[in-house]
N, C-alpha and C. Protein backbone atom coordinates (compact mmCIF):
# COMPACT_ATOMS: atom_id res chain seq x y z
N MET A 1 49.54 22.92 -26.60
CA MET A 1 48.47 23.14 -25.66
C MET A 1 48.37 24.62 -25.35
N ASN A 2 47.11 25.01 -25.08
CA ASN A 2 46.91 26.40 -24.69
C ASN A 2 47.28 26.58 -23.23
N GLN A 3 48.07 27.57 -22.96
CA GLN A 3 48.41 27.89 -21.59
C GLN A 3 47.91 29.29 -21.29
N LEU A 4 47.46 29.44 -20.08
CA LEU A 4 47.00 30.76 -19.68
C LEU A 4 48.21 31.68 -19.59
N PRO A 5 47.98 32.95 -19.93
CA PRO A 5 49.12 33.86 -19.82
C PRO A 5 49.51 34.03 -18.36
N GLU A 6 50.78 34.21 -18.12
CA GLU A 6 51.29 34.33 -16.77
C GLU A 6 50.87 35.67 -16.19
N VAL A 7 50.35 35.61 -14.96
CA VAL A 7 49.91 36.83 -14.30
C VAL A 7 51.15 37.55 -13.79
N PRO A 8 51.23 38.79 -14.10
CA PRO A 8 52.41 39.52 -13.61
C PRO A 8 52.45 39.51 -12.09
N LYS A 9 53.61 39.41 -11.54
CA LYS A 9 53.79 39.32 -10.10
C LYS A 9 53.24 40.53 -9.37
N GLU A 10 53.31 41.68 -9.99
CA GLU A 10 52.82 42.91 -9.35
C GLU A 10 51.31 42.85 -9.15
N ILE A 11 50.55 42.34 -10.13
CA ILE A 11 49.08 42.24 -10.02
C ILE A 11 48.73 41.21 -8.95
N ALA A 12 49.42 40.11 -8.88
CA ALA A 12 49.17 39.09 -7.87
C ALA A 12 49.45 39.64 -6.48
N ARG A 13 50.53 40.42 -6.33
CA ARG A 13 50.86 41.00 -5.04
C ARG A 13 49.80 42.01 -4.62
N GLN A 14 49.29 42.81 -5.55
CA GLN A 14 48.26 43.80 -5.24
C GLN A 14 46.96 43.11 -4.80
N ALA A 15 46.58 42.04 -5.49
CA ALA A 15 45.37 41.30 -5.13
C ALA A 15 45.51 40.70 -3.74
N SER A 16 46.68 40.17 -3.43
CA SER A 16 46.93 39.59 -2.11
C SER A 16 46.86 40.67 -1.04
N ASP A 17 47.41 41.84 -1.32
CA ASP A 17 47.35 42.95 -0.35
C ASP A 17 45.92 43.39 -0.10
N VAL A 18 45.12 43.49 -1.16
CA VAL A 18 43.72 43.91 -1.02
C VAL A 18 42.96 42.87 -0.20
N ALA A 19 43.19 41.59 -0.43
CA ALA A 19 42.51 40.53 0.31
C ALA A 19 42.89 40.59 1.79
N GLU A 20 44.17 40.81 2.08
CA GLU A 20 44.61 40.90 3.47
C GLU A 20 44.00 42.12 4.16
N ASP A 21 43.95 43.25 3.46
CA ASP A 21 43.35 44.46 4.04
C ASP A 21 41.86 44.24 4.31
N THR A 22 41.17 43.61 3.39
CA THR A 22 39.74 43.36 3.56
C THR A 22 39.50 42.44 4.75
N LEU A 23 40.30 41.40 4.89
CA LEU A 23 40.17 40.48 6.02
C LEU A 23 40.44 41.20 7.34
N THR A 24 41.46 42.03 7.38
CA THR A 24 41.79 42.77 8.59
C THR A 24 40.66 43.73 8.96
N ASN A 25 40.14 44.46 7.97
CA ASN A 25 39.04 45.41 8.22
C ASN A 25 37.79 44.66 8.69
N SER A 26 37.51 43.49 8.12
CA SER A 26 36.33 42.71 8.52
C SER A 26 36.46 42.24 9.96
N LYS A 27 37.65 41.77 10.34
CA LYS A 27 37.87 41.32 11.71
C LYS A 27 37.68 42.48 12.69
N GLU A 28 38.21 43.64 12.35
CA GLU A 28 38.06 44.80 13.23
C GLU A 28 36.59 45.20 13.36
N TYR A 29 35.85 45.18 12.26
CA TYR A 29 34.43 45.54 12.29
C TYR A 29 33.65 44.58 13.18
N VAL A 30 33.93 43.26 13.06
CA VAL A 30 33.24 42.26 13.88
C VAL A 30 33.56 42.47 15.35
N HIS A 31 34.81 42.81 15.69
CA HIS A 31 35.20 43.05 17.09
C HIS A 31 34.53 44.30 17.64
N ARG A 32 34.35 45.33 16.80
CA ARG A 32 33.73 46.58 17.26
C ARG A 32 32.21 46.47 17.33
N ASN A 33 31.57 45.65 16.48
CA ASN A 33 30.10 45.57 16.39
C ASN A 33 29.60 44.12 16.40
N PRO A 34 29.86 43.37 17.45
CA PRO A 34 29.47 41.95 17.43
C PRO A 34 27.95 41.74 17.40
N VAL A 35 27.19 42.55 18.11
CA VAL A 35 25.73 42.39 18.13
C VAL A 35 25.16 42.66 16.75
N LEU A 36 25.63 43.71 16.11
CA LEU A 36 25.14 44.05 14.78
C LEU A 36 25.47 42.96 13.76
N VAL A 37 26.66 42.39 13.88
CA VAL A 37 27.06 41.32 12.96
C VAL A 37 26.19 40.07 13.18
N VAL A 38 25.97 39.70 14.44
CA VAL A 38 25.14 38.53 14.72
C VAL A 38 23.70 38.76 14.25
N ALA A 39 23.17 39.97 14.50
CA ALA A 39 21.80 40.29 14.05
C ALA A 39 21.71 40.23 12.53
N GLY A 40 22.74 40.75 11.87
CA GLY A 40 22.75 40.69 10.40
C GLY A 40 22.80 39.26 9.88
N ALA A 41 23.60 38.43 10.55
CA ALA A 41 23.69 37.02 10.15
C ALA A 41 22.35 36.31 10.36
N LEU A 42 21.68 36.62 11.49
CA LEU A 42 20.36 36.03 11.73
C LEU A 42 19.35 36.49 10.70
N ALA A 43 19.37 37.78 10.38
CA ALA A 43 18.44 38.30 9.37
C ALA A 43 18.71 37.66 8.01
N PHE A 44 19.97 37.52 7.67
CA PHE A 44 20.32 36.89 6.39
C PHE A 44 19.84 35.43 6.36
N GLY A 45 20.06 34.70 7.46
CA GLY A 45 19.62 33.31 7.54
C GLY A 45 18.11 33.18 7.46
N ALA A 46 17.40 34.11 8.15
CA ALA A 46 15.94 34.09 8.11
C ALA A 46 15.44 34.38 6.71
N ALA A 47 16.07 35.31 6.02
CA ALA A 47 15.66 35.64 4.64
C ALA A 47 15.87 34.43 3.72
N ILE A 48 17.00 33.77 3.85
CA ILE A 48 17.27 32.57 3.03
C ILE A 48 16.24 31.48 3.36
N GLY A 49 15.95 31.30 4.65
CA GLY A 49 14.95 30.30 5.05
C GLY A 49 13.58 30.60 4.49
N CYS A 50 13.18 31.88 4.52
CA CYS A 50 11.88 32.26 3.95
C CYS A 50 11.84 32.00 2.45
N LEU A 51 12.92 32.33 1.77
CA LEU A 51 12.96 32.07 0.33
C LEU A 51 12.84 30.58 0.03
N LEU A 52 13.52 29.78 0.82
CA LEU A 52 13.45 28.33 0.61
C LEU A 52 12.05 27.80 0.90
N MET A 53 11.40 28.32 1.94
CA MET A 53 10.04 27.87 2.27
C MET A 53 9.05 28.29 1.18
N MET A 54 9.23 29.48 0.65
CA MET A 54 8.33 29.95 -0.40
C MET A 54 8.55 29.17 -1.69
N ALA A 55 9.75 28.65 -1.86
CA ALA A 55 10.05 27.89 -3.07
C ALA A 55 9.36 26.53 -3.07
N ARG A 56 8.99 26.05 -1.87
CA ARG A 56 8.27 24.77 -1.82
C ARG A 56 6.93 24.93 -2.50
N GLN A 57 6.54 23.91 -3.22
CA GLN A 57 5.29 23.97 -3.96
C GLN A 57 4.11 23.86 -3.01
N GLN A 58 3.24 24.84 -3.04
CA GLN A 58 2.02 24.82 -2.26
C GLN A 58 0.98 24.00 -3.01
N PRO A 59 0.11 23.28 -2.30
CA PRO A 59 -0.91 22.50 -3.01
C PRO A 59 -1.86 23.42 -3.77
N THR A 60 -2.23 22.99 -4.96
CA THR A 60 -3.17 23.77 -5.76
C THR A 60 -4.57 23.63 -5.19
N THR A 61 -5.46 24.45 -5.67
CA THR A 61 -6.85 24.39 -5.21
C THR A 61 -7.44 23.02 -5.50
N ARG A 62 -7.15 22.50 -6.68
CA ARG A 62 -7.66 21.18 -7.04
C ARG A 62 -7.12 20.12 -6.09
N GLN A 63 -5.82 20.18 -5.80
CA GLN A 63 -5.24 19.19 -4.89
C GLN A 63 -5.87 19.31 -3.51
N ARG A 64 -6.06 20.54 -3.03
CA ARG A 64 -6.56 20.75 -1.69
C ARG A 64 -8.03 20.37 -1.55
N TYR A 65 -8.87 20.70 -2.55
CA TYR A 65 -10.31 20.52 -2.40
C TYR A 65 -10.89 19.36 -3.19
N VAL A 66 -10.11 18.72 -4.06
CA VAL A 66 -10.63 17.59 -4.84
C VAL A 66 -9.80 16.34 -4.58
N ASP A 67 -8.51 16.42 -4.89
CA ASP A 67 -7.66 15.22 -4.80
C ASP A 67 -7.51 14.70 -3.38
N GLU A 68 -7.21 15.58 -2.44
CA GLU A 68 -7.02 15.14 -1.05
C GLU A 68 -8.29 14.55 -0.44
N PRO A 69 -9.48 15.19 -0.61
CA PRO A 69 -10.70 14.56 -0.07
C PRO A 69 -11.02 13.22 -0.75
N LEU A 70 -10.77 13.14 -2.07
CA LEU A 70 -11.02 11.87 -2.75
C LEU A 70 -10.07 10.79 -2.26
N ASP A 71 -8.82 11.14 -2.02
CA ASP A 71 -7.87 10.17 -1.47
C ASP A 71 -8.32 9.71 -0.08
N SER A 72 -8.79 10.65 0.73
CA SER A 72 -9.26 10.27 2.07
C SER A 72 -10.48 9.37 1.99
N ALA A 73 -11.42 9.70 1.09
CA ALA A 73 -12.61 8.86 0.93
C ALA A 73 -12.23 7.48 0.41
N HIS A 74 -11.29 7.42 -0.51
CA HIS A 74 -10.83 6.14 -1.06
C HIS A 74 -10.24 5.27 0.05
N LYS A 75 -9.41 5.87 0.89
CA LYS A 75 -8.82 5.12 1.99
C LYS A 75 -9.88 4.64 2.97
N ALA A 76 -10.88 5.48 3.24
CA ALA A 76 -11.95 5.09 4.17
C ALA A 76 -12.78 3.94 3.60
N ILE A 77 -13.08 4.00 2.30
CA ILE A 77 -13.85 2.93 1.67
C ILE A 77 -13.08 1.62 1.69
N ILE A 78 -11.81 1.69 1.35
CA ILE A 78 -10.98 0.48 1.37
C ILE A 78 -10.92 -0.10 2.77
N ALA A 79 -10.75 0.77 3.78
CA ALA A 79 -10.68 0.29 5.16
C ALA A 79 -12.00 -0.37 5.57
N ALA A 80 -13.14 0.16 5.07
CA ALA A 80 -14.43 -0.42 5.42
C ALA A 80 -14.68 -1.73 4.67
N LEU A 81 -14.14 -1.86 3.46
CA LEU A 81 -14.40 -3.05 2.65
C LEU A 81 -13.48 -4.22 2.97
N VAL A 82 -12.37 -3.98 3.62
CA VAL A 82 -11.43 -5.06 3.92
C VAL A 82 -12.10 -6.16 4.75
N PRO A 83 -12.84 -5.84 5.83
CA PRO A 83 -13.49 -6.91 6.59
C PRO A 83 -14.55 -7.65 5.76
N VAL A 84 -15.26 -6.93 4.89
CA VAL A 84 -16.26 -7.57 4.04
C VAL A 84 -15.57 -8.54 3.09
N ALA A 85 -14.48 -8.11 2.50
CA ALA A 85 -13.74 -8.97 1.58
C ALA A 85 -13.21 -10.21 2.30
N GLN A 86 -12.77 -10.05 3.53
CA GLN A 86 -12.28 -11.20 4.28
C GLN A 86 -13.41 -12.18 4.56
N ARG A 87 -14.58 -11.66 4.93
CA ARG A 87 -15.74 -12.53 5.18
C ARG A 87 -16.16 -13.25 3.91
N LEU A 88 -16.16 -12.54 2.78
CA LEU A 88 -16.49 -13.19 1.51
C LEU A 88 -15.49 -14.29 1.18
N GLN A 89 -14.22 -14.03 1.42
CA GLN A 89 -13.20 -15.04 1.16
C GLN A 89 -13.42 -16.26 2.04
N GLU A 90 -13.74 -16.03 3.32
CA GLU A 90 -14.00 -17.15 4.23
C GLU A 90 -15.23 -17.94 3.77
N GLY A 91 -16.29 -17.22 3.33
CA GLY A 91 -17.49 -17.90 2.82
C GLY A 91 -17.19 -18.70 1.58
N TYR A 92 -16.40 -18.15 0.68
CA TYR A 92 -16.02 -18.86 -0.54
C TYR A 92 -15.23 -20.11 -0.19
N ASP A 93 -14.26 -19.98 0.72
CA ASP A 93 -13.46 -21.14 1.13
C ASP A 93 -14.35 -22.22 1.74
N SER A 94 -15.31 -21.82 2.57
CA SER A 94 -16.22 -22.78 3.20
C SER A 94 -17.08 -23.48 2.15
N ALA A 95 -17.62 -22.71 1.20
CA ALA A 95 -18.45 -23.30 0.13
C ALA A 95 -17.63 -24.24 -0.74
N ARG A 96 -16.39 -23.87 -1.04
CA ARG A 96 -15.53 -24.73 -1.84
C ARG A 96 -15.25 -26.04 -1.11
N ASP A 97 -14.97 -25.96 0.19
CA ASP A 97 -14.73 -27.17 0.97
C ASP A 97 -15.97 -28.06 1.00
N GLY A 98 -17.15 -27.43 1.19
CA GLY A 98 -18.40 -28.20 1.20
C GLY A 98 -18.66 -28.87 -0.14
N ALA A 99 -18.41 -28.16 -1.23
CA ALA A 99 -18.62 -28.74 -2.56
C ALA A 99 -17.65 -29.89 -2.79
N GLY A 100 -16.44 -29.75 -2.29
CA GLY A 100 -15.46 -30.85 -2.42
C GLY A 100 -15.92 -32.09 -1.68
N LYS A 101 -16.50 -31.91 -0.48
CA LYS A 101 -17.00 -33.06 0.28
C LYS A 101 -18.16 -33.72 -0.44
N VAL A 102 -19.06 -32.91 -1.01
CA VAL A 102 -20.20 -33.47 -1.76
C VAL A 102 -19.71 -34.26 -2.96
N MET A 103 -18.70 -33.73 -3.65
CA MET A 103 -18.16 -34.44 -4.82
C MET A 103 -17.50 -35.76 -4.39
N ASP A 104 -16.81 -35.76 -3.26
CA ASP A 104 -16.22 -37.00 -2.76
C ASP A 104 -17.30 -38.04 -2.48
N ARG A 105 -18.37 -37.63 -1.85
CA ARG A 105 -19.46 -38.57 -1.57
C ARG A 105 -20.14 -39.04 -2.85
N ALA A 106 -20.27 -38.15 -3.82
CA ALA A 106 -20.89 -38.54 -5.09
C ALA A 106 -20.02 -39.58 -5.81
N HIS A 107 -18.70 -39.41 -5.72
CA HIS A 107 -17.82 -40.39 -6.35
C HIS A 107 -17.87 -41.74 -5.65
N ARG A 108 -18.09 -41.73 -4.33
CA ARG A 108 -18.16 -42.99 -3.58
C ARG A 108 -19.55 -43.62 -3.61
N PHE A 109 -20.52 -42.91 -4.14
CA PHE A 109 -21.90 -43.40 -4.17
C PHE A 109 -22.00 -44.58 -5.13
N ASN A 110 -22.57 -45.67 -4.64
CA ASN A 110 -22.75 -46.87 -5.46
C ASN A 110 -24.25 -47.15 -5.54
N PRO A 111 -24.90 -46.80 -6.66
CA PRO A 111 -26.36 -46.97 -6.72
C PRO A 111 -26.78 -48.44 -6.64
N GLY A 112 -25.97 -49.35 -7.19
CA GLY A 112 -26.35 -50.78 -7.13
C GLY A 112 -26.43 -51.27 -5.70
N ARG A 113 -25.45 -50.93 -4.90
CA ARG A 113 -25.45 -51.36 -3.51
C ARG A 113 -26.62 -50.74 -2.75
N THR A 114 -26.92 -49.49 -3.04
CA THR A 114 -28.03 -48.82 -2.37
C THR A 114 -29.35 -49.48 -2.72
N ILE A 115 -29.53 -49.83 -3.98
CA ILE A 115 -30.78 -50.49 -4.40
C ILE A 115 -30.87 -51.87 -3.78
N ASP A 116 -29.75 -52.62 -3.77
CA ASP A 116 -29.76 -53.94 -3.13
C ASP A 116 -30.11 -53.83 -1.66
N SER A 117 -29.55 -52.84 -1.00
CA SER A 117 -29.82 -52.66 0.42
C SER A 117 -31.29 -52.29 0.63
N LEU A 118 -31.82 -51.43 -0.23
CA LEU A 118 -33.21 -51.01 -0.11
C LEU A 118 -34.15 -52.19 -0.41
N SER A 119 -33.83 -52.98 -1.43
CA SER A 119 -34.70 -54.13 -1.75
C SER A 119 -34.63 -55.19 -0.66
N GLY A 120 -33.44 -55.32 -0.03
CA GLY A 120 -33.31 -56.26 1.07
C GLY A 120 -34.16 -55.84 2.25
N GLN A 121 -34.19 -54.58 2.52
CA GLN A 121 -35.01 -54.08 3.63
C GLN A 121 -36.49 -54.28 3.33
N ILE A 122 -36.89 -54.06 2.10
CA ILE A 122 -38.30 -54.26 1.73
C ILE A 122 -38.65 -55.75 1.84
N GLY A 123 -37.72 -56.60 1.40
CA GLY A 123 -37.97 -58.04 1.49
C GLY A 123 -38.10 -58.50 2.93
N ARG A 124 -37.25 -58.04 3.77
CA ARG A 124 -37.35 -58.42 5.18
C ARG A 124 -38.64 -57.90 5.80
N GLY A 125 -38.99 -56.69 5.42
CA GLY A 125 -40.25 -56.14 5.94
C GLY A 125 -41.45 -56.91 5.42
N GLY A 126 -41.38 -57.35 4.17
CA GLY A 126 -42.49 -58.11 3.58
C GLY A 126 -42.61 -59.50 4.16
N SER A 127 -41.50 -60.11 4.51
CA SER A 127 -41.56 -61.46 5.07
C SER A 127 -42.14 -61.46 6.47
N SER A 128 -42.03 -60.37 7.13
CA SER A 128 -42.59 -60.33 8.47
C SER A 128 -44.10 -60.03 8.44
N LEU A 129 -44.63 -59.68 7.28
CA LEU A 129 -46.06 -59.42 7.19
C LEU A 129 -46.82 -60.73 7.05
N LYS A 130 -47.95 -60.82 7.63
CA LYS A 130 -48.77 -62.04 7.54
C LYS A 130 -50.08 -61.62 6.91
N PHE A 131 -50.45 -62.37 5.88
CA PHE A 131 -51.73 -62.09 5.24
C PHE A 131 -52.67 -63.25 5.56
N GLY A 132 -53.72 -62.99 6.10
CA GLY A 132 -54.75 -63.88 6.17
C GLY A 132 -55.25 -64.67 7.17
């Protein structure tokens, strides 16, 4: 297996010393200039925030002036047509129910009985007539 070469102890000690010195100097600077450090941190945060906001995709001209108005119009038309569609559905349901009732009556219709009843009524009416 490949192993990384061993770092000489002297180089590691020097790097550790430099890191400790940098940390000590940074702490001293913050203690001597706290307002400047806070202002710098705020400026850095604001700059990062601006960069992030600019990175957000802005709507294109087409999206702003074509797609968005068409979407709004589409939603308005759908909202206006929903009650009409509900009324049409109710009318269709009512017509279907009425047609079903007519079909039930047509199936129960007995023309022979109706003719017998009609001829019986004519006969009774004729017998009550007197000629002469």
